Amino acid sequence: MNPCECSHCSEQEESTWGDLSRVRDGWQEVEAEETRLLSQMTIQESLRQLLALQRAFEPHLQQTEALFRAERLAYLEELQRRLAQLDE
């Protein structure tokens, strides 16, 4: 909250809150469109997207590998367990 109570600052603060509200409303539309587009993707398209993201982020993943190794291994183990259950 702004400690200044002059009309200029009050109007500016109201404008800022209005802008944030419009961004939030717009973001919900973006999420809805993202969900719609993702639901239309084939498995092959999804895998291509995943591999493209992996290529883009691979340098960062390599730099942080030691920091997150235990967490990633635990995730992979859980994923393998879940996949094995699907296979049964």
N, C-alpha and C. Protein backbone atom coordinates (compact mmCIF):
# COMPACT_ATOMS: atom_id res chain seq x y z
N MET A 1 0.83 -1.17 0.00
CA MET A 1 0.00 0.00 0.00
C MET A 1 0.88 1.24 0.00
N ASN A 2 0.45 2.28 -0.68
CA ASN A 2 1.22 3.51 -0.81
C ASN A 2 0.97 4.42 0.38
N PRO A 3 2.02 4.87 1.10
CA PRO A 3 1.82 5.74 2.27
C PRO A 3 1.32 7.13 1.89
N CYS A 4 1.58 7.56 0.66
CA CYS A 4 1.14 8.88 0.21
C CYS A 4 -0.35 8.81 -0.11
N GLU A 5 -1.10 9.82 0.33
CA GLU A 5 -2.55 9.79 0.10
C GLU A 5 -3.01 10.90 -0.83
N CYS A 6 -2.08 11.49 -1.60
CA CYS A 6 -2.49 12.53 -2.54
C CYS A 6 -3.29 11.91 -3.68
N SER A 7 -4.07 12.71 -4.37
CA SER A 7 -4.96 12.18 -5.40
C SER A 7 -4.18 11.55 -6.55
N HIS A 8 -3.04 12.14 -6.88
CA HIS A 8 -2.23 11.59 -7.98
C HIS A 8 -1.77 10.17 -7.65
N CYS A 9 -1.24 9.97 -6.46
CA CYS A 9 -0.76 8.64 -6.05
C CYS A 9 -1.90 7.65 -5.92
N SER A 10 -3.03 8.11 -5.43
CA SER A 10 -4.19 7.23 -5.30
C SER A 10 -4.67 6.77 -6.66
N GLU A 11 -4.73 7.70 -7.63
CA GLU A 11 -5.14 7.34 -8.99
C GLU A 11 -4.14 6.38 -9.62
N GLN A 12 -2.85 6.63 -9.39
CA GLN A 12 -1.81 5.77 -9.93
C GLN A 12 -1.92 4.36 -9.35
N GLU A 13 -2.18 4.28 -8.05
CA GLU A 13 -2.31 2.97 -7.40
C GLU A 13 -3.53 2.22 -7.94
N GLU A 14 -4.65 2.93 -8.11
CA GLU A 14 -5.85 2.30 -8.67
C GLU A 14 -5.58 1.80 -10.08
N SER A 15 -4.84 2.59 -10.87
CA SER A 15 -4.50 2.20 -12.22
C SER A 15 -3.63 0.94 -12.22
N THR A 16 -2.67 0.89 -11.31
CA THR A 16 -1.79 -0.28 -11.21
C THR A 16 -2.59 -1.53 -10.87
N TRP A 17 -3.50 -1.43 -9.89
CA TRP A 17 -4.32 -2.59 -9.52
C TRP A 17 -5.22 -3.02 -10.67
N GLY A 18 -5.73 -2.03 -11.41
CA GLY A 18 -6.55 -2.36 -12.58
C GLY A 18 -5.74 -3.08 -13.64
N ASP A 19 -4.49 -2.62 -13.86
CA ASP A 19 -3.60 -3.27 -14.83
C ASP A 19 -3.33 -4.71 -14.42
N LEU A 20 -3.05 -4.93 -13.14
CA LEU A 20 -2.78 -6.27 -12.64
C LEU A 20 -4.00 -7.18 -12.81
N SER A 21 -5.17 -6.62 -12.58
CA SER A 21 -6.40 -7.40 -12.74
C SER A 21 -6.58 -7.82 -14.20
N ARG A 22 -6.30 -6.88 -15.14
CA ARG A 22 -6.41 -7.21 -16.56
C ARG A 22 -5.39 -8.27 -16.96
N VAL A 23 -4.19 -8.20 -16.40
CA VAL A 23 -3.17 -9.21 -16.69
C VAL A 23 -3.64 -10.56 -16.19
N ARG A 24 -4.19 -10.61 -14.98
CA ARG A 24 -4.68 -11.86 -14.40
C ARG A 24 -5.79 -12.44 -15.27
N ASP A 25 -6.73 -11.59 -15.69
CA ASP A 25 -7.82 -12.05 -16.54
C ASP A 25 -7.28 -12.56 -17.87
N GLY A 26 -6.34 -11.84 -18.45
CA GLY A 26 -5.74 -12.25 -19.71
C GLY A 26 -4.98 -13.55 -19.57
N TRP A 27 -4.33 -13.74 -18.42
CA TRP A 27 -3.56 -14.96 -18.20
C TRP A 27 -4.46 -16.19 -18.16
N GLN A 28 -5.66 -16.03 -17.61
CA GLN A 28 -6.61 -17.15 -17.58
C GLN A 28 -6.99 -17.56 -19.00
N GLU A 29 -7.13 -16.57 -19.89
CA GLU A 29 -7.42 -16.88 -21.29
C GLU A 29 -6.25 -17.61 -21.93
N VAL A 30 -5.03 -17.19 -21.62
CA VAL A 30 -3.84 -17.85 -22.16
C VAL A 30 -3.79 -19.29 -21.69
N GLU A 31 -4.04 -19.53 -20.40
CA GLU A 31 -4.02 -20.89 -19.87
C GLU A 31 -5.09 -21.76 -20.52
N ALA A 32 -6.26 -21.20 -20.75
CA ALA A 32 -7.34 -21.96 -21.39
C ALA A 32 -6.95 -22.34 -22.82
N GLU A 33 -6.34 -21.41 -23.54
CA GLU A 33 -5.90 -21.69 -24.90
C GLU A 33 -4.77 -22.71 -24.90
N GLU A 34 -3.86 -22.62 -23.95
CA GLU A 34 -2.77 -23.59 -23.83
C GLU A 34 -3.34 -24.99 -23.60
N THR A 35 -4.29 -25.10 -22.71
CA THR A 35 -4.92 -26.38 -22.42
C THR A 35 -5.59 -26.94 -23.66
N ARG A 36 -6.29 -26.09 -24.39
CA ARG A 36 -6.97 -26.53 -25.61
C ARG A 36 -5.96 -27.04 -26.63
N LEU A 37 -4.88 -26.28 -26.84
CA LEU A 37 -3.87 -26.70 -27.81
C LEU A 37 -3.16 -27.98 -27.40
N LEU A 38 -2.84 -28.10 -26.12
CA LEU A 38 -2.16 -29.30 -25.65
C LEU A 38 -3.03 -30.54 -25.82
N SER A 39 -4.32 -30.39 -25.60
CA SER A 39 -5.21 -31.55 -25.72
C SER A 39 -5.34 -32.01 -27.16
N GLN A 40 -5.00 -31.16 -28.11
CA GLN A 40 -5.08 -31.53 -29.53
C GLN A 40 -3.79 -32.14 -30.05
N MET A 41 -2.71 -32.11 -29.26
CA MET A 41 -1.43 -32.64 -29.71
C MET A 41 -1.45 -34.17 -29.71
N THR A 42 -0.77 -34.73 -30.71
CA THR A 42 -0.60 -36.18 -30.72
C THR A 42 0.56 -36.54 -29.80
N ILE A 43 0.71 -37.81 -29.53
CA ILE A 43 1.83 -38.27 -28.69
C ILE A 43 3.15 -37.89 -29.35
N GLN A 44 3.24 -38.07 -30.67
CA GLN A 44 4.46 -37.74 -31.39
C GLN A 44 4.79 -36.25 -31.28
N GLU A 45 3.76 -35.40 -31.43
CA GLU A 45 3.98 -33.95 -31.30
C GLU A 45 4.42 -33.59 -29.88
N SER A 46 3.82 -34.24 -28.91
CA SER A 46 4.19 -33.99 -27.51
C SER A 46 5.65 -34.37 -27.27
N LEU A 47 6.06 -35.51 -27.79
CA LEU A 47 7.45 -35.93 -27.62
C LEU A 47 8.41 -34.98 -28.33
N ARG A 48 8.03 -34.51 -29.53
CA ARG A 48 8.88 -33.53 -30.22
C ARG A 48 9.03 -32.26 -29.38
N GLN A 49 7.94 -31.80 -28.79
CA GLN A 49 7.99 -30.62 -27.92
C GLN A 49 8.90 -30.85 -26.73
N LEU A 50 8.75 -32.02 -26.10
CA LEU A 50 9.57 -32.36 -24.95
C LEU A 50 11.05 -32.37 -25.32
N LEU A 51 11.38 -32.99 -26.44
CA LEU A 51 12.78 -33.05 -26.86
C LEU A 51 13.32 -31.66 -27.24
N ALA A 52 12.49 -30.83 -27.84
CA ALA A 52 12.92 -29.47 -28.16
C ALA A 52 13.20 -28.67 -26.88
N LEU A 53 12.35 -28.84 -25.88
CA LEU A 53 12.58 -28.17 -24.60
C LEU A 53 13.85 -28.69 -23.93
N GLN A 54 14.05 -29.99 -24.01
CA GLN A 54 15.24 -30.58 -23.40
C GLN A 54 16.50 -30.03 -24.07
N ARG A 55 16.49 -29.93 -25.41
CA ARG A 55 17.65 -29.36 -26.11
C ARG A 55 17.89 -27.92 -25.68
N ALA A 56 16.81 -27.15 -25.54
CA ALA A 56 16.95 -25.74 -25.17
C ALA A 56 17.50 -25.57 -23.76
N PHE A 57 17.08 -26.45 -22.85
CA PHE A 57 17.47 -26.31 -21.45
C PHE A 57 18.64 -27.19 -21.03
N GLU A 58 19.13 -28.03 -21.93
CA GLU A 58 20.19 -28.98 -21.58
C GLU A 58 21.42 -28.31 -20.96
N PRO A 59 21.91 -27.19 -21.50
CA PRO A 59 23.09 -26.57 -20.86
C PRO A 59 22.84 -26.20 -19.40
N HIS A 60 21.67 -25.66 -19.12
CA HIS A 60 21.34 -25.29 -17.73
C HIS A 60 21.20 -26.55 -16.87
N LEU A 61 20.58 -27.58 -17.43
CA LEU A 61 20.43 -28.83 -16.67
C LEU A 61 21.79 -29.41 -16.32
N GLN A 62 22.73 -29.35 -17.25
CA GLN A 62 24.07 -29.87 -16.98
C GLN A 62 24.77 -29.06 -15.89
N GLN A 63 24.58 -27.74 -15.91
CA GLN A 63 25.22 -26.88 -14.90
C GLN A 63 24.66 -27.13 -13.50
N THR A 64 23.40 -27.49 -13.42
CA THR A 64 22.76 -27.67 -12.10
C THR A 64 22.59 -29.14 -11.73
N GLU A 65 23.15 -30.04 -12.51
CA GLU A 65 22.94 -31.47 -12.30
C GLU A 65 23.30 -31.91 -10.88
N ALA A 66 24.44 -31.47 -10.39
CA ALA A 66 24.86 -31.90 -9.05
C ALA A 66 23.90 -31.41 -7.96
N LEU A 67 23.35 -30.23 -8.16
CA LEU A 67 22.43 -29.66 -7.15
C LEU A 67 21.13 -30.46 -7.03
N PHE A 68 20.66 -30.96 -8.15
CA PHE A 68 19.34 -31.60 -8.18
C PHE A 68 19.39 -33.09 -8.48
N ARG A 69 20.56 -33.69 -8.42
CA ARG A 69 20.71 -35.10 -8.78
C ARG A 69 19.77 -36.00 -7.98
N ALA A 70 19.78 -35.87 -6.67
CA ALA A 70 18.95 -36.75 -5.81
C ALA A 70 17.46 -36.60 -6.14
N GLU A 71 17.03 -35.36 -6.33
CA GLU A 71 15.62 -35.10 -6.64
C GLU A 71 15.25 -35.71 -7.99
N ARG A 72 16.11 -35.55 -8.98
CA ARG A 72 15.84 -36.09 -10.31
C ARG A 72 15.81 -37.62 -10.29
N LEU A 73 16.74 -38.22 -9.57
CA LEU A 73 16.76 -39.69 -9.49
C LEU A 73 15.49 -40.21 -8.81
N ALA A 74 15.07 -39.54 -7.76
CA ALA A 74 13.84 -39.94 -7.07
C ALA A 74 12.64 -39.82 -8.01
N TYR A 75 12.60 -38.75 -8.80
CA TYR A 75 11.51 -38.56 -9.75
C TYR A 75 11.53 -39.67 -10.80
N LEU A 76 12.72 -39.99 -11.33
CA LEU A 76 12.82 -41.04 -12.34
C LEU A 76 12.40 -42.40 -11.79
N GLU A 77 12.79 -42.68 -10.55
CA GLU A 77 12.37 -43.93 -9.91
C GLU A 77 10.86 -44.00 -9.78
N GLU A 78 10.26 -42.90 -9.37
CA GLU A 78 8.80 -42.85 -9.24
C GLU A 78 8.14 -43.02 -10.61
N LEU A 79 8.69 -42.38 -11.62
CA LEU A 79 8.14 -42.50 -12.97
C LEU A 79 8.24 -43.95 -13.46
N GLN A 80 9.37 -44.59 -13.24
CA GLN A 80 9.52 -45.99 -13.64
C GLN A 80 8.53 -46.89 -12.90
N ARG A 81 8.33 -46.62 -11.63
CA ARG A 81 7.37 -47.41 -10.85
C ARG A 81 5.96 -47.25 -11.43
N ARG A 82 5.59 -46.03 -11.75
CA ARG A 82 4.26 -45.78 -12.30
C ARG A 82 4.09 -46.40 -13.68
N LEU A 83 5.13 -46.33 -14.50
CA LEU A 83 5.07 -46.93 -15.83
C LEU A 83 4.95 -48.46 -15.71
N ALA A 84 5.67 -49.04 -14.75
CA ALA A 84 5.59 -50.49 -14.55
C ALA A 84 4.17 -50.89 -14.13
N GLN A 85 3.52 -50.07 -13.34
CA GLN A 85 2.13 -50.37 -12.93
C GLN A 85 1.20 -50.33 -14.13
N LEU A 86 1.45 -49.40 -15.06
CA LEU A 86 0.62 -49.34 -16.27
C LEU A 86 0.81 -50.57 -17.14
N ASP A 87 2.01 -51.12 -17.09
CA ASP A 87 2.35 -52.26 -17.93
C ASP A 87 1.73 -53.56 -17.40
N GLU A 88 1.35 -53.58 -16.13
CA GLU A 88 0.81 -54.81 -15.51
C GLU A 88 -0.58 -55.13 -15.99
